[in-house]
Amino acid sequence: MLKNYFQIACKVYMRRKLFTAINLLCIVLTMVVLLTVTAILQTTFYPTGVEGKSERFLQITTITQASNINTSRSPLGYKTIDQYLRKMKTVEKVAAVTGPESVSVYQKESVNEIMMRRADAEYWQILDFKLMSGRVPSEDDVRQGRFVAVVNENTAKKLFGTESAVGKKINTGGQQFEIIGVVEDVIHLNAYADMWVPVTTFPSSQYREQYTGDFTALLMGKSAADLPLIKDELLQIVKQVNADEPNHWDHTYMWADGKLDFFARGILNNDEVAGSGAAQLLAGIVFAMLLFMLLPALNLINLNSGRIMERAAEIGVRKAFGASNSELVKQFVMENILLCLFGGALGLIFTKLTLIWLSNINLVPYMKVDLSFAVFAYSFVMAIVFGVLSGVIPAWKMSRLDPVLALKGAA
């Protein structure tokens, strides 16, 4: 049966090549936009590479403190991480890292603006940076407060051209750092920076006594099964932080989130509730994609309606020989799905080219997004949905044709 559908569909679509080309163009453009967005969201919410262990760790980026008068939201302070989070029993590793900040690097007679983070040794154990040369800071480097630095490939090339950056020294903020390693360029949330130095190289030790500051905490469990336990233990830790904090806020909130939860909480502003709103965010994304598919689907409905009415005589003959409405609907919907699947395959190819182009033009620094098996699966589902959406109405209208009128060409 499927073979017959396929053969009929090929003959029908080759009969009017212009209509077929217009249909395919509409499908391909829609699929390229949807698949490009899906690939970016897949990389953001479920990253691989440097954040490949993201299914095992949670991140705490904000501490929210509230009273009857006002509310304060701030990144974590080092004291909150070191004194409270490192003592958690359900975590395997706890890392502290500052957010990226713009600094000026003085090299010979030139000045370059780059993004720098300060991190502890555990940071390099939780994230899987691809080391191009040299090494990353060790626990001893951090403990001793050595002025060592790691830079990414782009920064090494910017500062030293084709020369090896390892062993070179750079000056920033009145401090001189020796480069000990070069890593691959990355854009992921917790890894994005041009340069990393030990947290203990702060000009002052005042950061050690701060409950709020500029830090993010990464909490890694032994397995993904530990993450709910970490969240439960954090609820008890927060009560202790709130009791010890000298400003005595009425409520203190800290949420350990995975990638999807982190973005959902930020977009939906759910800082003071346990639920991040991830389900609502995903539902909103799916709804937006369906709305985006609606307009081209309506265009395809019009094109398909015209194409089907041209086949009125064929429909009349088939009805005269006993073909049921359901059989005819099934055939025409299947023909449309086959066309959409072919358009989806072309869409995958052009999406791959689009992602390569986006990476090469450096529109977003260090952007590296590729197609994955999940995106391939989404493309298949999108093609089926698109085919059904744009094929059901014309097929239903066709099935209601009177066979006598159809044979006379009066449809």
Protein backbone atom coordinates (compact mmCIF):
# COMPACT_ATOMS: atom_id res chain seq x y z
CA MET A 1 0.00 0.00 0.00
CA LEU A 2 2.73 2.47 0.95
CA LYS A 3 4.59 1.61 -2.25
CA ASN A 4 1.49 2.45 -4.30
CA TYR A 5 1.04 5.73 -2.41
CA PHE A 6 4.67 6.60 -3.09
CA GLN A 7 4.42 5.82 -6.81
CA ILE A 8 1.21 7.81 -7.23
CA ALA A 9 2.66 10.74 -5.26
CA CYS A 10 5.78 10.84 -7.46
CA LYS A 11 3.67 10.91 -10.66
CA VAL A 12 1.34 13.58 -9.28
CA TYR A 13 4.13 15.88 -8.11
CA MET A 14 6.09 15.54 -11.34
CA ARG A 15 2.99 16.43 -13.33
CA ARG A 16 2.98 20.05 -12.09
CA LYS A 17 6.63 20.80 -11.35
CA LEU A 18 6.11 24.49 -10.55
CA PHE A 19 3.49 23.78 -7.91
CA THR A 20 5.72 21.09 -6.44
CA ALA A 21 8.70 23.48 -6.35
CA ILE A 22 6.62 26.15 -4.59
CA ASN A 23 5.38 23.58 -2.07
CA LEU A 24 8.91 22.37 -1.38
CA LEU A 25 10.27 25.92 -1.02
CA CYS A 26 7.58 26.72 1.54
CA ILE A 27 8.31 23.52 3.47
CA VAL A 28 12.11 23.88 3.34
CA LEU A 29 12.14 27.51 4.52
CA THR A 30 9.83 26.68 7.41
CA MET A 31 11.86 23.63 8.41
CA VAL A 32 15.19 25.49 8.24
CA VAL A 33 13.96 28.19 10.63
CA LEU A 34 12.40 25.70 13.03
CA LEU A 35 15.34 23.29 12.99
CA THR A 36 17.92 26.07 13.43
CA VAL A 37 16.04 27.34 16.48
CA THR A 38 15.62 23.77 17.76
CA ALA A 39 19.36 23.05 17.37
CA ILE A 40 20.24 26.21 19.30
CA LEU A 41 17.74 25.38 22.06
CA GLN A 42 19.00 21.78 22.21
CA THR A 43 22.58 23.01 22.67
CA THR A 44 21.46 25.53 25.30
CA PHE A 45 19.17 23.32 27.39
CA TYR A 46 20.98 19.99 26.95
CA PRO A 47 24.62 20.84 26.21
CA THR A 48 27.42 18.46 25.32
CA GLY A 49 31.16 19.05 25.15
CA VAL A 50 32.47 21.33 27.87
CA GLU A 51 29.23 21.01 29.87
CA GLY A 52 28.73 17.36 28.98
CA LYS A 53 28.28 16.47 32.65
CA SER A 54 25.32 18.84 32.96
CA GLU A 55 22.97 15.92 33.71
CA ARG A 56 25.02 15.43 36.92
CA PHE A 57 25.38 19.01 38.17
CA LEU A 58 23.17 21.89 39.20
CA GLN A 59 23.98 25.57 39.31
CA ILE A 60 23.09 28.29 41.78
CA THR A 61 23.48 31.73 40.29
CA THR A 62 21.31 33.93 42.48
CA ILE A 63 20.55 34.44 46.14
CA THR A 64 17.24 36.24 46.70
CA GLN A 65 16.61 37.91 50.05
CA ALA A 66 13.24 39.40 50.93
CA SER A 67 11.62 41.34 53.72
CA ASN A 68 8.32 43.15 54.12
CA ILE A 69 9.98 46.30 52.79
CA ASN A 70 12.16 45.25 49.86
CA THR A 71 13.78 42.39 47.94
CA SER A 72 17.42 41.92 47.01
CA ARG A 73 18.67 39.67 44.19
CA SER A 74 22.39 39.11 43.75
CA PRO A 75 24.91 36.52 42.60
CA LEU A 76 26.33 34.42 45.41
CA GLY A 77 29.15 35.55 47.65
CA TYR A 78 32.19 33.30 48.14
CA LYS A 79 31.41 32.85 51.85
CA THR A 80 28.00 31.38 51.03
CA ILE A 81 29.64 28.79 48.78
CA ASP A 82 32.68 28.03 50.92
CA GLN A 83 31.06 28.00 54.36
CA TYR A 84 27.71 26.40 53.53
CA LEU A 85 27.54 24.68 50.13
CA ARG A 86 30.90 22.89 50.36
CA LYS A 87 29.64 21.13 53.50
CA MET A 88 26.68 19.53 51.75
CA LYS A 89 26.68 15.75 52.12
CA THR A 90 24.85 14.94 48.89
CA VAL A 91 27.36 16.57 46.53
CA GLU A 92 30.57 15.14 45.14
CA LYS A 93 32.14 18.44 44.09
CA VAL A 94 31.31 22.11 44.59
CA ALA A 95 32.86 24.73 42.33
CA ALA A 96 32.93 28.51 42.69
CA VAL A 97 33.37 30.74 39.65
CA THR A 98 32.75 34.41 39.03
CA GLY A 99 30.73 35.72 36.13
CA PRO A 100 32.67 36.98 33.11
CA GLU A 101 33.91 40.53 33.52
CA SER A 102 35.54 42.79 30.97
CA VAL A 103 39.21 43.52 31.69
CA SER A 104 41.98 45.27 29.78
CA VAL A 105 45.02 43.20 28.88
CA TYR A 106 48.18 45.21 28.28
CA GLN A 107 50.53 43.47 25.88
CA LYS A 108 53.53 45.41 24.56
CA GLU A 109 52.02 48.57 23.11
CA SER A 110 48.50 47.24 22.59
CA VAL A 111 45.45 46.98 24.84
CA ASN A 112 42.81 44.29 24.35
CA GLU A 113 39.44 44.01 26.07
CA ILE A 114 38.65 40.41 27.03
CA MET A 115 36.25 38.59 29.35
CA MET A 116 37.82 37.07 32.46
CA ARG A 117 36.56 34.67 35.16
CA ARG A 118 38.08 33.68 38.49
CA ALA A 119 37.55 30.03 39.40
CA ASP A 120 38.63 27.38 41.89
CA ALA A 121 40.21 24.01 41.05
CA GLU A 122 36.90 22.12 41.20
CA TYR A 123 35.61 24.23 38.33
CA TRP A 124 38.08 22.54 36.01
CA GLN A 125 37.05 19.11 37.29
CA ILE A 126 33.33 19.62 36.72
CA LEU A 127 33.58 21.17 33.26
CA ASP A 128 35.28 19.29 30.42
CA PHE A 129 37.31 21.91 28.59
CA LYS A 130 39.21 20.68 25.56
CA LEU A 131 42.84 21.48 26.33
CA MET A 132 44.77 22.54 23.23
CA SER A 133 48.13 23.00 24.96
CA GLY A 134 49.61 23.30 28.46
CA ARG A 135 47.49 22.51 31.52
CA VAL A 136 44.70 23.91 33.69
CA PRO A 137 45.13 25.27 37.26
CA SER A 138 45.63 22.61 39.92
CA GLU A 139 44.41 22.61 43.51
CA ASP A 140 47.90 23.66 44.57
CA ASP A 141 47.84 26.63 42.14
CA VAL A 142 44.60 27.83 43.71
CA ARG A 143 45.68 27.15 47.29
CA GLN A 144 48.96 29.03 46.82
CA GLY A 145 47.29 31.89 44.94
CA ARG A 146 49.65 31.58 41.99
CA PHE A 147 49.23 34.13 39.24
CA VAL A 148 48.60 31.68 36.45
CA ALA A 149 46.04 31.93 33.67
CA VAL A 150 44.29 29.87 31.02
CA VAL A 151 43.16 31.55 27.79
CA ASN A 152 41.07 30.32 24.90
CA GLU A 153 42.34 29.83 21.34
CA ASN A 154 40.93 33.10 20.05
CA THR A 155 42.59 35.14 22.80
CA ALA A 156 45.92 33.32 22.39
CA LYS A 157 45.87 34.12 18.68
CA LYS A 158 44.83 37.72 19.31
CA LEU A 159 47.64 38.31 21.81
CA PHE A 160 50.48 36.25 20.38
CA GLY A 161 49.59 35.44 16.77
CA THR A 162 51.14 32.16 15.65
CA GLU A 163 53.48 31.96 18.66
CA SER A 164 52.75 29.54 21.50
CA ALA A 165 50.94 31.32 24.32
CA VAL A 166 52.04 28.87 27.04
CA GLY A 167 54.73 30.44 29.20
CA LYS A 168 53.95 33.99 28.08
CA LYS A 169 53.00 36.67 30.61
CA ILE A 170 50.21 39.21 30.39
CA ASN A 171 49.22 42.19 32.53
CA THR A 172 45.70 43.11 33.58
CA GLY A 173 44.35 45.21 36.44
CA GLY A 174 47.83 45.80 37.82
CA GLN A 175 48.49 42.05 38.04
CA GLN A 176 50.79 39.89 35.92
CA PHE A 177 49.72 36.37 35.00
CA GLU A 178 51.64 33.56 33.35
CA ILE A 179 49.67 31.59 30.79
CA ILE A 180 49.84 27.88 31.58
CA GLY A 181 47.19 26.55 29.21
CA VAL A 182 45.10 27.17 26.11
CA VAL A 183 41.58 25.72 25.74
CA GLU A 184 39.10 25.52 22.90
CA ASP A 185 36.72 28.47 22.38
CA VAL A 186 33.33 27.86 24.02
CA ILE A 187 30.12 29.81 24.52
CA HIS A 188 28.29 27.63 27.04
CA LEU A 189 26.70 29.39 30.02
CA ASN A 190 29.16 28.39 32.76
CA ALA A 191 32.21 28.19 30.51
CA TYR A 192 32.06 31.37 28.44
CA ALA A 193 35.15 33.55 28.91
CA ASP A 194 38.41 34.49 27.19
CA MET A 195 40.63 34.05 30.23
CA TRP A 196 40.46 32.21 33.56
CA VAL A 197 42.58 32.80 36.67
CA PRO A 198 42.50 31.29 40.19
CA VAL A 199 39.89 32.73 42.54
CA THR A 200 42.66 33.35 45.09
CA THR A 201 44.25 36.03 42.88
CA PHE A 202 41.73 38.67 43.95
CA PRO A 203 43.63 41.86 44.96
CA SER A 204 41.91 41.69 48.35
CA SER A 205 40.74 38.80 50.55
CA GLN A 206 37.53 40.68 51.35
CA TYR A 207 35.60 38.42 48.95
CA ARG A 208 35.93 35.55 51.45
CA GLU A 209 33.58 37.27 53.91
CA GLN A 210 30.76 38.15 51.51
CA TYR A 211 27.37 36.45 51.49
CA THR A 212 26.57 38.08 48.14
CA GLY A 213 29.01 38.93 45.40
CA ASP A 214 29.69 37.82 41.83
CA PHE A 215 29.86 34.02 42.10
CA THR A 216 28.02 31.06 40.66
CA ALA A 217 28.13 27.68 42.42
CA LEU A 218 28.23 24.39 40.50
CA LEU A 219 27.08 21.39 42.56
CA MET A 220 27.89 17.99 41.04
CA GLY A 221 26.49 14.70 42.27
CA LYS A 222 27.88 11.24 41.69
CA SER A 223 25.01 10.56 39.30
CA ALA A 224 21.85 12.19 37.97
CA ALA A 225 19.91 10.38 40.71
CA ASP A 226 21.63 12.58 43.32
CA LEU A 227 20.18 15.84 41.97
CA PRO A 228 16.81 15.65 43.81
CA LEU A 229 18.73 14.90 47.03
CA ILE A 230 20.93 17.95 46.47
CA LYS A 231 17.85 20.14 46.01
CA ASP A 232 16.30 18.81 49.22
CA GLU A 233 19.45 19.37 51.25
CA LEU A 234 19.80 22.88 49.85
CA LEU A 235 16.45 23.82 51.41
CA GLN A 236 17.94 23.14 54.85
CA ILE A 237 21.18 24.97 54.01
CA VAL A 238 19.25 28.08 53.00
CA LYS A 239 17.60 28.25 56.43
CA GLN A 240 21.03 28.28 58.06
CA VAL A 241 22.29 31.01 55.71
CA ASN A 242 19.24 33.11 56.47
CA ALA A 243 19.78 32.73 60.23
CA ASP A 244 23.48 33.67 60.05
CA GLU A 245 23.19 36.53 57.55
CA PRO A 246 23.77 39.78 59.50
CA ASN A 247 21.04 41.77 57.71
CA HIS A 248 18.39 39.31 59.01
CA TRP A 249 16.10 39.10 56.02
CA ASP A 250 12.68 37.52 56.49
CA HIS A 251 13.28 35.03 53.70
CA THR A 252 16.26 33.80 51.73
CA TYR A 253 15.91 31.79 48.52
CA MET A 254 18.50 29.80 46.57
CA TRP A 255 17.54 27.30 43.89
CA ALA A 256 19.82 24.66 42.41
CA ASP A 257 18.77 24.38 38.77
CA GLY A 258 19.65 22.39 35.71
CA LYS A 259 20.02 24.18 32.39
CA LEU A 260 16.35 24.18 31.40
CA ASP A 261 15.21 25.15 34.89
CA PHE A 262 17.79 27.96 35.02
CA PHE A 263 16.57 29.59 31.81
CA ALA A 264 12.91 29.05 32.71
CA ARG A 265 13.39 30.64 36.13
CA GLY A 266 15.15 33.64 34.60
CA ILE A 267 12.63 34.17 31.80
CA LEU A 268 9.56 33.68 34.01
CA ASN A 269 11.10 35.47 37.02
CA ASN A 270 10.35 32.63 39.46
CA ASP A 271 12.98 33.57 42.04
CA GLU A 272 10.82 33.02 45.09
CA VAL A 273 9.07 29.76 44.24
CA ALA A 274 10.40 26.22 44.07
CA GLY A 275 8.98 25.53 40.61
CA SER A 276 11.13 26.95 37.83
CA GLY A 277 8.37 26.99 35.24
CA ALA A 278 10.27 24.71 32.84
CA ALA A 279 7.06 22.98 31.72
CA GLN A 280 5.44 26.34 30.92
CA LEU A 281 8.53 27.45 29.00
CA LEU A 282 8.59 24.30 26.89
CA ALA A 283 4.84 24.57 26.28
CA GLY A 284 5.32 28.18 25.17
CA ILE A 285 8.12 27.20 22.78
CA VAL A 286 6.04 24.38 21.26
CA PHE A 287 3.03 26.70 20.93
CA ALA A 288 5.18 29.37 19.23
CA MET A 289 6.54 26.77 16.79
CA LEU A 290 3.03 25.58 15.94
CA LEU A 291 1.95 29.18 15.34
CA PHE A 292 4.96 29.70 13.10
CA MET A 293 4.00 26.56 11.14
CA LEU A 294 0.39 27.74 10.79
CA LEU A 295 0.93 30.40 8.10
CA PRO A 296 2.91 28.23 5.66
CA ALA A 297 0.48 25.40 6.41
CA LEU A 298 -2.41 27.65 5.31
CA ASN A 299 -0.54 28.46 2.10
CA LEU A 300 0.01 24.77 1.47
CA ILE A 301 -3.67 24.08 2.13
CA ASN A 302 -4.60 26.47 -0.67
CA LEU A 303 -2.04 24.95 -3.04
CA ASN A 304 -3.09 21.42 -2.17
CA SER A 305 -6.76 22.26 -2.59
CA GLY A 306 -6.11 23.50 -6.11
CA ARG A 307 -3.99 20.46 -6.93
CA ILE A 308 -6.61 18.02 -5.58
CA MET A 309 -9.49 19.66 -7.47
CA GLU A 310 -7.50 19.20 -10.68
CA ARG A 311 -7.76 15.48 -9.98
CA ALA A 312 -11.57 15.52 -9.79
CA ALA A 313 -11.94 13.05 -12.65
CA GLU A 314 -9.56 10.60 -10.97
CA ILE A 315 -11.48 10.96 -7.72
CA GLY A 316 -14.77 10.33 -9.53
CA VAL A 317 -13.48 7.16 -11.15
CA ARG A 318 -12.11 5.82 -7.88
CA LYS A 319 -15.38 6.55 -6.08
CA ALA A 320 -17.34 4.92 -8.90
CA PHE A 321 -15.29 1.76 -8.38
CA GLY A 322 -16.04 1.72 -4.66
CA ALA A 323 -13.22 3.69 -3.02
CA SER A 324 -14.37 4.97 0.37
CA ASN A 325 -13.92 8.49 1.67
CA SER A 326 -11.49 7.29 4.34
CA GLU A 327 -9.31 5.55 1.74
CA LEU A 328 -9.14 8.68 -0.39
CA VAL A 329 -8.38 10.89 2.62
CA LYS A 330 -5.66 8.50 3.72
CA GLN A 331 -4.08 8.52 0.26
CA PHE A 332 -4.00 12.29 -0.16
CA VAL A 333 -2.77 12.94 3.38
CA MET A 334 -0.05 10.33 2.85
CA GLU A 335 0.97 12.02 -0.41
CA ASN A 336 1.29 15.31 1.42
CA ILE A 337 3.28 13.73 4.27
CA LEU A 338 5.69 12.16 1.75
CA LEU A 339 6.25 15.59 0.19
CA CYS A 340 6.82 17.13 3.62
CA LEU A 341 9.26 14.36 4.56
CA PHE A 342 11.24 15.07 1.39
CA GLY A 343 11.12 18.78 2.21
CA GLY A 344 12.23 17.93 5.76
CA ALA A 345 15.25 16.03 4.41
CA LEU A 346 16.20 19.05 2.30
CA GLY A 347 15.55 21.22 5.35
CA LEU A 348 18.07 19.18 7.36
CA ILE A 349 20.72 19.74 4.70
CA PHE A 350 20.11 23.48 4.52
CA THR A 351 19.92 23.70 8.33
CA LYS A 352 23.38 22.13 8.53
CA LEU A 353 24.67 24.72 6.05
CA THR A 354 22.94 27.50 7.99
CA LEU A 355 24.55 26.43 11.27
CA ILE A 356 27.98 26.29 9.61
CA TRP A 357 27.39 29.79 8.22
CA LEU A 358 26.30 31.15 11.61
CA SER A 359 29.43 29.69 13.22
CA ASN A 360 31.73 31.14 10.55
CA ILE A 361 30.37 34.70 10.50
CA ASN A 362 30.98 35.01 14.27
CA LEU A 363 27.61 36.67 14.81
CA VAL A 364 27.67 35.16 18.30
CA PRO A 365 31.23 34.75 19.67
CA TYR A 366 32.40 31.11 19.83
CA MET A 367 29.05 29.80 18.67
CA LYS A 368 29.25 26.11 17.76
CA VAL A 369 25.90 24.48 17.16
CA ASP A 370 25.49 21.24 15.27
CA LEU A 371 22.72 18.84 14.37
CA SER A 372 22.16 16.01 16.79
CA PHE A 373 20.10 12.85 16.75
CA ALA A 374 17.46 14.66 18.81
CA VAL A 375 17.22 17.45 16.22
CA PHE A 376 16.97 14.81 13.48
CA ALA A 377 14.08 13.19 15.38
CA TYR A 378 12.40 16.58 15.86
CA SER A 379 12.66 17.24 12.12
CA PHE A 380 10.88 13.96 11.39
CA VAL A 381 8.08 14.81 13.83
CA MET A 382 7.81 18.37 12.46
CA ALA A 383 7.53 17.05 8.89
CA ILE A 384 4.74 14.65 9.90
CA VAL A 385 2.85 17.38 11.78
CA PHE A 386 3.34 19.84 8.92
CA GLY A 387 2.12 17.25 6.41
CA VAL A 388 -0.98 16.44 8.45
CA LEU A 389 -1.79 20.10 9.17
CA SER A 390 -1.60 21.08 5.50
CA GLY A 391 -3.14 17.90 4.07
CA VAL A 392 -6.17 17.03 6.16
CA ILE A 393 -8.48 19.88 5.11
CA PRO A 394 -7.92 19.53 1.32
CA ALA A 395 -8.25 15.74 1.61
CA TRP A 396 -11.50 16.07 3.58
CA LYS A 397 -12.94 18.48 1.00
CA MET A 398 -11.90 16.11 -1.78
CA SER A 399 -13.57 13.13 -0.12
CA ARG A 400 -16.94 14.93 -0.15
CA LEU A 401 -16.98 15.38 -3.94
CA ASP A 402 -19.99 13.88 -5.72
CA PRO A 403 -18.61 11.18 -8.07
CA VAL A 404 -21.03 12.06 -10.90
CA LEU A 405 -20.12 15.75 -10.82
CA ALA A 406 -16.44 14.87 -10.49
CA LEU A 407 -16.57 12.65 -13.60
CA LYS A 408 -18.25 15.48 -15.53
CA GLY A 409 -15.47 17.84 -14.44
CA ALA A 410 -17.98 20.00 -12.59
CA ALA A 411 -16.25 19.75 -9.22
